Amino acid sequence: MKENWNKPRKMTMLNDYKCSICDYIEEQWSSEKEIDCTFCGGLSTRIISGGFFSLPGIDQGFPTTADKWAKRHRKANRSNLKRLGIPC
C-alpha cells in the first residue's frame, strides 16, 4: 500500500487534559480538544498549563536567586576559603 505524502496531516502535540469528573490532569500526545480520561473514563478537556522551568542561579536579572546561589556555593566552599585565608 502506497502512502500519500501530499495528504495534509494533523500535527500531534503533547497536551494537558483535565477530567471533568475526577479532576485528574494527564499529558497525552493528541491534537483533540476532548479525550477520555484514562483514570475514570470521563470526559477530559484540553487545558493550557504553565511550563516547568528553573532559573540559573547566576543570572543577575533575578537577584534573590543569584544571592541564594552565591550563599549556597560559599557555604559548600567554606573549608577551601578558610584554607586560602579568605574571610567567609
Protein backbone atom coordinates (compact mmCIF):
# COMPACT_ATOMS: atom_id res chain seq x y z
CA MET A 1 0.00 0.00 0.00
CA LYS A 2 1.41 3.39 -1.01
CA GLU A 3 1.42 6.27 1.41
CA ASN A 4 0.05 9.55 0.18
CA TRP A 5 2.73 12.11 1.13
CA ASN A 6 0.73 15.00 -0.30
CA LYS A 7 -2.15 14.44 2.12
CA PRO A 8 -2.22 17.12 4.85
CA ARG A 9 -1.59 15.70 8.31
CA LYS A 10 -2.70 16.88 11.71
CA MET A 11 0.19 17.82 13.94
CA THR A 12 0.21 15.81 17.16
CA MET A 13 1.41 17.66 20.25
CA LEU A 14 1.84 16.88 23.91
CA ASN A 15 -1.15 18.47 25.63
CA ASP A 16 -2.55 18.53 29.15
CA TYR A 17 -6.10 17.32 29.73
CA LYS A 18 -8.27 17.70 32.83
CA CYS A 19 -11.13 15.34 33.58
CA SER A 20 -14.48 16.98 34.28
CA ILE A 21 -15.47 14.20 36.71
CA CYS A 22 -12.41 13.33 38.82
CA ASP A 23 -10.21 16.43 38.09
CA TYR A 24 -7.32 14.15 37.09
CA ILE A 25 -4.75 16.00 34.95
CA GLU A 26 -2.76 14.00 32.43
CA GLU A 27 -0.46 14.55 29.46
CA GLN A 28 -1.35 12.93 26.16
CA TRP A 29 0.07 13.06 22.64
CA SER A 30 -3.10 14.23 20.91
CA SER A 31 -4.44 17.10 18.87
CA GLU A 32 -8.04 16.52 20.01
CA LYS A 33 -9.86 19.04 22.21
CA GLU A 34 -11.54 16.30 24.25
CA ILE A 35 -10.43 12.76 25.10
CA ASP A 36 -11.49 10.01 27.50
CA CYS A 37 -9.91 10.13 30.96
CA THR A 38 -7.52 7.22 31.47
CA PHE A 39 -8.25 7.22 35.21
CA CYS A 40 -12.08 7.16 35.39
CA GLY A 41 -13.23 7.12 31.76
CA GLY A 42 -14.92 10.54 31.98
CA LEU A 43 -14.53 13.37 29.51
CA SER A 44 -11.20 15.23 29.67
CA THR A 45 -10.81 18.60 28.01
CA ARG A 46 -7.56 20.17 26.84
CA ILE A 47 -6.18 22.83 29.18
CA ILE A 48 -3.33 25.29 28.98
CA SER A 49 -0.86 24.73 31.77
CA GLY A 50 2.28 26.52 32.81
CA GLY A 51 5.55 25.02 31.74
CA PHE A 52 8.21 23.83 34.11
CA PHE A 53 11.44 25.80 34.20
CA SER A 54 14.06 26.89 36.65
CA LEU A 55 16.25 29.94 36.55
CA PRO A 56 20.02 29.59 36.72
CA GLY A 57 21.42 30.89 39.97
CA ILE A 58 23.99 33.10 38.31
CA ASP A 59 21.54 35.34 36.41
CA GLN A 60 21.82 38.86 37.85
CA GLY A 61 18.38 39.70 36.46
CA PHE A 62 16.95 37.68 39.33
CA PRO A 63 18.89 38.92 42.38
CA THR A 64 17.25 36.73 45.01
CA THR A 65 18.07 33.61 43.00
CA ALA A 66 21.61 34.85 42.40
CA ASP A 67 22.02 35.55 46.13
CA LYS A 68 20.80 32.07 47.06
CA TRP A 69 23.20 30.55 44.52
CA ALA A 70 26.16 32.56 45.90
CA LYS A 71 25.28 31.72 49.53
CA ARG A 72 24.94 28.02 48.77
CA HIS A 73 28.28 27.93 46.97
CA ARG A 74 30.07 29.95 49.67
CA LYS A 75 28.76 27.53 52.31
CA ALA A 76 29.84 24.49 50.30
CA ASN A 77 33.27 26.01 49.69
CA ARG A 78 33.84 27.37 53.23
CA SER A 79 36.70 25.00 54.05
CA ASN A 80 38.62 25.99 50.90
CA LEU A 81 38.09 29.67 51.62
CA LYS A 82 39.43 29.27 55.18
CA ARG A 83 42.44 27.35 53.87
CA LEU A 84 43.21 30.21 51.47
CA GLY A 85 42.73 32.83 54.19
CA ILE A 86 39.67 34.40 52.59
CA PRO A 87 37.07 35.57 55.14
CA CYS A 88 33.69 33.88 54.83
